[in-house]
Amino acid sequence: HLMSGLLPTGMSREQLNGLVVARLAWAAERASA
């Protein structure tokens, strides 16, 4: 389980979604290997 973390002060979930998807995609590629 990859814990998502706490929202940084002043930032919204919408602002962070792209970053989270990119990180999860990198992690999934490593997990696939």
PDB file of all heavy atoms in Angstrom:
ATOM      1  N   HIS A   1       0.845  -1.196   0.000  1.00  0.00           N
ATOM      2  CA  HIS A   1       0.000   0.000   0.000  1.00  0.00           C
ATOM      3  C   HIS A   1       0.878   1.242   0.000  1.00  0.00           C
ATOM      4  O   HIS A   1       1.719   1.421   0.891  1.00  0.00           O
ATOM      5  CB  HIS A   1      -0.903  -0.019   1.241  1.00  0.00           C
ATOM      6  CG  HIS A   1      -1.642   1.252   1.476  1.00  0.00           C
ATOM      7  ND1 HIS A   1      -1.904   1.728   2.744  1.00  0.00           N
ATOM      8  CD2 HIS A   1      -2.164   2.165   0.623  1.00  0.00           C
ATOM      9  CE1 HIS A   1      -2.558   2.861   2.655  1.00  0.00           C
ATOM     10  NE2 HIS A   1      -2.724   3.153   1.378  1.00  0.00           N
ATOM     11  N   LEU A   2       0.677   2.106  -0.988  1.00  0.00           N
ATOM     12  CA  LEU A   2       1.371   3.394  -1.048  1.00  0.00           C
ATOM     13  C   LEU A   2       0.481   4.458  -0.416  1.00  0.00           C
ATOM     14  O   LEU A   2      -0.528   4.864  -0.996  1.00  0.00           O
ATOM     15  CB  LEU A   2       1.681   3.775  -2.495  1.00  0.00           C
ATOM     16  CG  LEU A   2       2.608   2.865  -3.284  1.00  0.00           C
ATOM     17  CD1 LEU A   2       2.875   3.461  -4.664  1.00  0.00           C
ATOM     18  CD2 LEU A   2       3.921   2.639  -2.545  1.00  0.00           C
ATOM     19  N   MET A   3       0.842   4.918   0.763  1.00  0.00           N
ATOM     20  CA  MET A   3       0.064   5.959   1.424  1.00  0.00           C
ATOM     21  C   MET A   3       0.200   7.266   0.649  1.00  0.00           C
ATOM     22  O   MET A   3       1.281   7.631   0.186  1.00  0.00           O
ATOM     23  CB  MET A   3       0.506   6.120   2.867  1.00  0.00           C
ATOM     24  CG  MET A   3       0.301   4.881   3.715  1.00  0.00           C
ATOM     25  SD  MET A   3       0.498   5.192   5.491  1.00  0.00           S
ATOM     26  CE  MET A   3      -1.006   6.118   5.830  1.00  0.00           C
ATOM     27  N   SER A   4      -0.907   7.976   0.517  1.00  0.00           N
ATOM     28  CA  SER A   4      -0.941   9.162  -0.339  1.00  0.00           C
ATOM     29  C   SER A   4      -0.298  10.380   0.293  1.00  0.00           C
ATOM     30  O   SER A   4       0.228  11.242  -0.413  1.00  0.00           O
ATOM     31  CB  SER A   4      -2.391   9.494  -0.692  1.00  0.00           C
ATOM     32  OG  SER A   4      -2.985   8.434  -1.393  1.00  0.00           O
ATOM     33  N   GLY A   5      -0.360  10.497   1.615  1.00  0.00           N
ATOM     34  CA  GLY A   5       0.181  11.660   2.293  1.00  0.00           C
ATOM     35  C   GLY A   5      -0.894  12.677   2.632  1.00  0.00           C
ATOM     36  O   GLY A   5      -2.044  12.589   2.196  1.00  0.00           O
ATOM     37  N   LEU A   6      -0.518  13.675   3.427  1.00  0.00           N
ATOM     38  CA  LEU A   6      -1.417  14.748   3.839  1.00  0.00           C
ATOM     39  C   LEU A   6      -1.323  15.901   2.844  1.00  0.00           C
ATOM     40  O   LEU A   6      -0.240  16.222   2.346  1.00  0.00           O
ATOM     41  CB  LEU A   6      -1.050  15.238   5.239  1.00  0.00           C
ATOM     42  CG  LEU A   6      -0.988  14.176   6.332  1.00  0.00           C
ATOM     43  CD1 LEU A   6      -0.679  14.833   7.687  1.00  0.00           C
ATOM     44  CD2 LEU A   6      -2.281  13.370   6.419  1.00  0.00           C
ATOM     45  N   LEU A   7      -2.451  16.535   2.594  1.00  0.00           N
ATOM     46  CA  LEU A   7      -2.468  17.665   1.668  1.00  0.00           C
ATOM     47  C   LEU A   7      -1.523  18.769   2.140  1.00  0.00           C
ATOM     48  O   LEU A   7      -1.601  19.205   3.287  1.00  0.00           O
ATOM     49  CB  LEU A   7      -3.883  18.238   1.581  1.00  0.00           C
ATOM     50  CG  LEU A   7      -4.857  17.604   0.601  1.00  0.00           C
ATOM     51  CD1 LEU A   7      -6.253  18.145   0.852  1.00  0.00           C
ATOM     52  CD2 LEU A   7      -4.430  17.864  -0.831  1.00  0.00           C
ATOM     53  N   PRO A   8      -0.632  19.242   1.288  1.00  0.00           N
ATOM     54  CA  PRO A   8       0.214  20.371   1.667  1.00  0.00           C
ATOM     55  C   PRO A   8      -0.634  21.623   1.882  1.00  0.00           C
ATOM     56  O   PRO A   8      -1.656  21.823   1.212  1.00  0.00           O
ATOM     57  CB  PRO A   8       1.156  20.552   0.464  1.00  0.00           C
ATOM     58  CG  PRO A   8       1.065  19.276  -0.299  1.00  0.00           C
ATOM     59  CD  PRO A   8      -0.310  18.732  -0.054  1.00  0.00           C
ATOM     60  N   THR A   9      -0.202  22.458   2.793  1.00  0.00           N
ATOM     61  CA  THR A   9      -0.939  23.688   3.087  1.00  0.00           C
ATOM     62  C   THR A   9      -1.119  24.524   1.825  1.00  0.00           C
ATOM     63  O   THR A   9      -0.174  24.759   1.067  1.00  0.00           O
ATOM     64  CB  THR A   9      -0.186  24.515   4.138  1.00  0.00           C
ATOM     65  OG1 THR A   9      -0.017  23.723   5.314  1.00  0.00           O
ATOM     66  CG2 THR A   9      -0.960  25.783   4.496  1.00  0.00           C
ATOM     67  N   GLY A  10      -2.355  24.945   1.605  1.00  0.00           N
ATOM     68  CA  GLY A  10      -2.644  25.835   0.488  1.00  0.00           C
ATOM     69  C   GLY A  10      -2.821  25.158  -0.847  1.00  0.00           C
ATOM     70  O   GLY A  10      -3.008  25.839  -1.864  1.00  0.00           O
ATOM     71  N   MET A  11      -2.782  23.834  -0.896  1.00  0.00           N
ATOM     72  CA  MET A  11      -2.945  23.128  -2.164  1.00  0.00           C
ATOM     73  C   MET A  11      -4.190  22.248  -2.117  1.00  0.00           C
ATOM     74  O   MET A  11      -4.576  21.729  -1.063  1.00  0.00           O
ATOM     75  CB  MET A  11      -1.709  22.283  -2.477  1.00  0.00           C
ATOM     76  CG  MET A  11      -0.431  23.100  -2.631  1.00  0.00           C
ATOM     77  SD  MET A  11       0.902  22.173  -3.433  1.00  0.00           S
ATOM     78  CE  MET A  11       0.315  22.157  -5.134  1.00  0.00           C
ATOM     79  N   SER A  12      -4.813  22.073  -3.269  1.00  0.00           N
ATOM     80  CA  SER A  12      -6.027  21.274  -3.360  1.00  0.00           C
ATOM     81  C   SER A  12      -5.729  19.919  -3.988  1.00  0.00           C
ATOM     82  O   SER A  12      -4.696  19.717  -4.639  1.00  0.00           O
ATOM     83  CB  SER A  12      -7.071  21.994  -4.221  1.00  0.00           C
ATOM     84  OG  SER A  12      -6.647  22.026  -5.582  1.00  0.00           O
ATOM     85  N   ARG A  13      -6.663  19.016  -3.830  1.00  0.00           N
ATOM     86  CA  ARG A  13      -6.531  17.705  -4.468  1.00  0.00           C
ATOM     87  C   ARG A  13      -6.466  17.842  -5.986  1.00  0.00           C
ATOM     88  O   ARG A  13      -5.703  17.136  -6.649  1.00  0.00           O
ATOM     89  CB  ARG A  13      -7.697  16.814  -4.047  1.00  0.00           C
ATOM     90  CG  ARG A  13      -7.633  16.412  -2.569  1.00  0.00           C
ATOM     91  CD  ARG A  13      -8.854  15.628  -2.124  1.00  0.00           C
ATOM     92  NE  ARG A  13      -8.686  15.172  -0.749  1.00  0.00           N
ATOM     93  CZ  ARG A  13      -8.966  15.914   0.325  1.00  0.00           C
ATOM     94  NH1 ARG A  13      -9.449  17.141   0.165  1.00  0.00           N
ATOM     95  NH2 ARG A  13      -8.760  15.442   1.542  1.00  0.00           N
ATOM     96  N   GLU A  14      -7.254  18.754  -6.531  1.00  0.00           N
ATOM     97  CA  GLU A  14      -7.264  18.941  -7.987  1.00  0.00           C
ATOM     98  C   GLU A  14      -5.892  19.386  -8.482  1.00  0.00           C
ATOM     99  O   GLU A  14      -5.422  18.924  -9.540  1.00  0.00           O
ATOM    100  CB  GLU A  14      -8.331  19.963  -8.369  1.00  0.00           C
ATOM    101  CG  GLU A  14      -9.760  19.500  -8.164  1.00  0.00           C
ATOM    102  CD  GLU A  14     -10.185  19.445  -6.696  1.00  0.00           C
ATOM    103  OE1 GLU A  14      -9.541  20.112  -5.856  1.00  0.00           O
ATOM    104  OE2 GLU A  14     -11.164  18.736  -6.386  1.00  0.00           O
ATOM    105  N   GLN A  15      -5.244  20.262  -7.750  1.00  0.00           N
ATOM    106  CA  GLN A  15      -3.920  20.723  -8.152  1.00  0.00           C
ATOM    107  C   GLN A  15      -2.883  19.601  -8.136  1.00  0.00           C
ATOM    108  O   GLN A  15      -1.922  19.630  -8.905  1.00  0.00           O
ATOM    109  CB  GLN A  15      -3.455  21.846  -7.215  1.00  0.00           C
ATOM    110  CG  GLN A  15      -4.177  23.169  -7.383  1.00  0.00           C
ATOM    111  CD  GLN A  15      -3.762  24.161  -6.311  1.00  0.00           C
ATOM    112  OE1 GLN A  15      -3.959  23.930  -5.116  1.00  0.00           O
ATOM    113  NE2 GLN A  15      -3.186  25.271  -6.728  1.00  0.00           N
ATOM    114  N   LEU A  16      -3.071  18.621  -7.270  1.00  0.00           N
ATOM    115  CA  LEU A  16      -2.061  17.582  -7.060  1.00  0.00           C
ATOM    116  C   LEU A  16      -2.331  16.309  -7.845  1.00  0.00           C
ATOM    117  O   LEU A  16      -1.471  15.419  -7.883  1.00  0.00           O
ATOM    118  CB  LEU A  16      -1.971  17.254  -5.569  1.00  0.00           C
ATOM    119  CG  LEU A  16      -1.425  18.388  -4.698  1.00  0.00           C
ATOM    120  CD1 LEU A  16      -1.707  18.109  -3.229  1.00  0.00           C
ATOM    121  CD2 LEU A  16       0.069  18.560  -4.921  1.00  0.00           C
ATOM    122  N   ASN A  17      -3.497  16.196  -8.465  1.00  0.00           N
ATOM    123  CA  ASN A  17      -3.866  14.937  -9.119  1.00  0.00           C
ATOM    124  C   ASN A  17      -2.853  14.511 -10.174  1.00  0.00           C
ATOM    125  O   ASN A  17      -2.496  13.336 -10.274  1.00  0.00           O
ATOM    126  CB  ASN A  17      -5.248  15.060  -9.754  1.00  0.00           C
ATOM    127  CG  ASN A  17      -6.331  14.416  -8.908  1.00  0.00           C
ATOM    128  OD1 ASN A  17      -6.063  13.825  -7.862  1.00  0.00           O
ATOM    129  ND2 ASN A  17      -7.556  14.542  -9.352  1.00  0.00           N
ATOM    130  N   GLY A  18      -2.404  15.452 -10.999  1.00  0.00           N
ATOM    131  CA  GLY A  18      -1.456  15.105 -12.053  1.00  0.00           C
ATOM    132  C   GLY A  18      -0.157  14.557 -11.489  1.00  0.00           C
ATOM    133  O   GLY A  18       0.391  13.572 -12.011  1.00  0.00           O
ATOM    134  N   LEU A  19       0.331  15.183 -10.428  1.00  0.00           N
ATOM    135  CA  LEU A  19       1.552  14.708  -9.771  1.00  0.00           C
ATOM    136  C   LEU A  19       1.348  13.296  -9.224  1.00  0.00           C
ATOM    137  O   LEU A  19       2.209  12.419  -9.388  1.00  0.00           O
ATOM    138  CB  LEU A  19       1.930  15.655  -8.635  1.00  0.00           C
ATOM    139  CG  LEU A  19       3.043  15.174  -7.694  1.00  0.00           C
ATOM    140  CD1 LEU A  19       4.386  15.169  -8.421  1.00  0.00           C
ATOM    141  CD2 LEU A  19       3.111  16.046  -6.443  1.00  0.00           C
ATOM    142  N   VAL A  20       0.210  13.067  -8.576  1.00  0.00           N
ATOM    143  CA  VAL A  20      -0.060  11.764  -7.971  1.00  0.00           C
ATOM    144  C   VAL A  20      -0.148  10.679  -9.044  1.00  0.00           C
ATOM    145  O   VAL A  20       0.424   9.586  -8.892  1.00  0.00           O
ATOM    146  CB  VAL A  20      -1.342  11.821  -7.126  1.00  0.00           C
ATOM    147  CG1 VAL A  20      -1.790  10.431  -6.703  1.00  0.00           C
ATOM    148  CG2 VAL A  20      -1.119  12.705  -5.895  1.00  0.00           C
ATOM    149  N   VAL A  21      -0.818  10.961 -10.148  1.00  0.00           N
ATOM    150  CA  VAL A  21      -0.908   9.980 -11.228  1.00  0.00           C
ATOM    151  C   VAL A  21       0.474   9.655 -11.775  1.00  0.00           C
ATOM    152  O   VAL A  21       0.815   8.479 -12.005  1.00  0.00           O
ATOM    153  CB  VAL A  21      -1.839  10.486 -12.353  1.00  0.00           C
ATOM    154  CG1 VAL A  21      -1.729   9.600 -13.593  1.00  0.00           C
ATOM    155  CG2 VAL A  21      -3.285  10.515 -11.867  1.00  0.00           C
ATOM    156  N   ALA A  22       1.306  10.678 -11.977  1.00  0.00           N
ATOM    157  CA  ALA A  22       2.653  10.446 -12.506  1.00  0.00           C
ATOM    158  C   ALA A  22       3.479   9.592 -11.551  1.00  0.00           C
ATOM    159  O   ALA A  22       4.201   8.679 -11.982  1.00  0.00           O
ATOM    160  CB  ALA A  22       3.347  11.779 -12.763  1.00  0.00           C
ATOM    161  N   ARG A  23       3.372   9.858 -10.267  1.00  0.00           N
ATOM    162  CA  ARG A  23       4.146   9.074  -9.294  1.00  0.00           C
ATOM    163  C   ARG A  23       3.635   7.641  -9.208  1.00  0.00           C
ATOM    164  O   ARG A  23       4.419   6.693  -9.127  1.00  0.00           O
ATOM    165  CB  ARG A  23       4.117   9.769  -7.932  1.00  0.00           C
ATOM    166  CG  ARG A  23       5.013  11.012  -7.902  1.00  0.00           C
ATOM    167  CD  ARG A  23       5.169  11.557  -6.518  1.00  0.00           C
ATOM    168  NE  ARG A  23       6.130  12.657  -6.519  1.00  0.00           N
ATOM    169  CZ  ARG A  23       6.279  13.508  -5.507  1.00  0.00           C
ATOM    170  NH1 ARG A  23       5.526  13.370  -4.414  1.00  0.00           N
ATOM    171  NH2 ARG A  23       7.172  14.475  -5.574  1.00  0.00           N
ATOM    172  N   LEU A  24       2.327   7.485  -9.216  1.00  0.00           N
ATOM    173  CA  LEU A  24       1.779   6.126  -9.166  1.00  0.00           C
ATOM    174  C   LEU A  24       2.152   5.342 -10.419  1.00  0.00           C
ATOM    175  O   LEU A  24       2.415   4.141 -10.343  1.00  0.00           O
ATOM    176  CB  LEU A  24       0.264   6.175  -8.996  1.00  0.00           C
ATOM    177  CG  LEU A  24      -0.253   6.686  -7.644  1.00  0.00           C
ATOM    178  CD1 LEU A  24      -1.769   6.797  -7.667  1.00  0.00           C
ATOM    179  CD2 LEU A  24       0.203   5.792  -6.497  1.00  0.00           C
ATOM    180  N   ALA A  25       2.194   6.017 -11.555  1.00  0.00           N
ATOM    181  CA  ALA A  25       2.581   5.333 -12.796  1.00  0.00           C
ATOM    182  C   ALA A  25       4.034   4.870 -12.723  1.00  0.00           C
ATOM    183  O   ALA A  25       4.369   3.749 -13.138  1.00  0.00           O
ATOM    184  CB  ALA A  25       2.375   6.265 -13.986  1.00  0.00           C
ATOM    185  N   TRP A  26       4.911   5.716 -12.195  1.00  0.00           N
ATOM    186  CA  TRP A  26       6.320   5.315 -12.032  1.00  0.00           C
ATOM    187  C   TRP A  26       6.422   4.124 -11.081  1.00  0.00           C
ATOM    188  O   TRP A  26       7.127   3.144 -11.356  1.00  0.00           O
ATOM    189  CB  TRP A  26       7.146   6.489 -11.498  1.00  0.00           C
ATOM    190  CG  TRP A  26       8.569   6.108 -11.202  1.00  0.00           C
ATOM    191  CD1 TRP A  26       9.618   6.095 -12.076  1.00  0.00           C
ATOM    192  CD2 TRP A  26       9.091   5.642  -9.945  1.00  0.00           C
ATOM    193  NE1 TRP A  26      10.765   5.654 -11.446  1.00  0.00           N
ATOM    194  CE2 TRP A  26      10.468   5.370 -10.138  1.00  0.00           C
ATOM    195  CE3 TRP A  26       8.537   5.434  -8.675  1.00  0.00           C
ATOM    196  CZ2 TRP A  26      11.297   4.898  -9.119  1.00  0.00           C
ATOM    197  CZ3 TRP A  26       9.352   4.956  -7.654  1.00  0.00           C
ATOM    198  CH2 TRP A  26      10.714   4.694  -7.881  1.00  0.00           C
ATOM    199  N   ALA A  27       5.704   4.198  -9.949  1.00  0.00           N
ATOM    200  CA  ALA A  27       5.759   3.121  -8.962  1.00  0.00           C
ATOM    201  C   ALA A  27       5.200   1.824  -9.534  1.00  0.00           C
ATOM    202  O   ALA A  27       5.742   0.735  -9.289  1.00  0.00           O
ATOM    203  CB  ALA A  27       4.993   3.527  -7.705  1.00  0.00           C
ATOM    204  N   ALA A  28       4.114   1.914 -10.310  1.00  0.00           N
ATOM    205  CA  ALA A  28       3.519   0.715 -10.894  1.00  0.00           C
ATOM    206  C   ALA A  28       4.472   0.065 -11.891  1.00  0.00           C
ATOM    207  O   ALA A  28       4.532  -1.170 -11.995  1.00  0.00           O
ATOM    208  CB  ALA A  28       2.199   1.068 -11.566  1.00  0.00           C
ATOM    209  N   GLU A  29       5.220   0.875 -12.618  1.00  0.00           N
ATOM    210  CA  GLU A  29       6.206   0.313 -13.548  1.00  0.00           C
ATOM    211  C   GLU A  29       7.295  -0.429 -12.795  1.00  0.00           C
ATOM    212  O   GLU A  29       7.709  -1.523 -13.183  1.00  0.00           O
ATOM    213  CB  GLU A  29       6.816   1.429 -14.394  1.00  0.00           C
ATOM    214  CG  GLU A  29       7.786   0.932 -15.454  1.00  0.00           C
ATOM    215  CD  GLU A  29       8.310   2.042 -16.345  1.00  0.00           C
ATOM    216  OE1 GLU A  29       7.838   3.181 -16.214  1.00  0.00           O
ATOM    217  OE2 GLU A  29       9.207   1.759 -17.165  1.00  0.00           O
ATOM    218  N   ARG A  30       7.773   0.145 -11.687  1.00  0.00           N
ATOM    219  CA  ARG A  30       8.777  -0.527 -10.868  1.00  0.00           C
ATOM    220  C   ARG A  30       8.200  -1.817 -10.267  1.00  0.00           C
ATOM    221  O   ARG A  30       8.879  -2.843 -10.205  1.00  0.00           O
ATOM    222  CB  ARG A  30       9.247   0.397  -9.737  1.00  0.00           C
ATOM    223  CG  ARG A  30      10.007   1.623 -10.219  1.00  0.00           C
ATOM    224  CD  ARG A  30      11.376   1.272 -10.794  1.00  0.00           C
ATOM    225  NE  ARG A  30      12.202   0.610  -9.797  1.00  0.00           N
ATOM    226  CZ  ARG A  30      12.669  -0.627  -9.901  1.00  0.00           C
ATOM    227  NH1 ARG A  30      12.396  -1.361 -10.972  1.00  0.00           N
ATOM    228  NH2 ARG A  30      13.419  -1.134  -8.945  1.00  0.00           N
ATOM    229  N   ALA A  31       6.945  -1.756  -9.816  1.00  0.00           N
ATOM    230  CA  ALA A  31       6.308  -2.939  -9.236  1.00  0.00           C
ATOM    231  C   ALA A  31       6.117  -4.028 -10.287  1.00  0.00           C
ATOM    232  O   ALA A  31       6.274  -5.215  -9.993  1.00  0.00           O
ATOM    233  CB  ALA A  31       4.970  -2.555  -8.616  1.00  0.00           C
ATOM    234  N   SER A  32       5.790  -3.629 -11.494  1.00  0.00           N
ATOM    235  CA  SER A  32       5.610  -4.596 -12.572  1.00  0.00           C
ATOM    236  C   SER A  32       6.887  -5.384 -12.815  1.00  0.00           C
ATOM    237  O   SER A  32       6.856  -6.613 -12.993  1.00  0.00           O
ATOM    238  CB  SER A  32       5.180  -3.866 -13.849  1.00  0.00           C
ATOM    239  OG  SER A  32       5.133  -4.752 -14.944  1.00  0.00           O
ATOM    240  N   ALA A  33       8.022  -4.694 -12.811  1.00  0.00           N
ATOM    241  CA  ALA A  33       9.306  -5.367 -13.031  1.00  0.00           C
ATOM    242  C   ALA A  33       9.602  -6.382 -11.944  1.00  0.00           C
ATOM    243  O   ALA A  33      10.299  -7.380 -12.174  1.00  0.00           O
ATOM    244  CB  ALA A  33      10.425  -4.329 -13.104  1.00  0.00           C
TER     245      ALA A  33
END
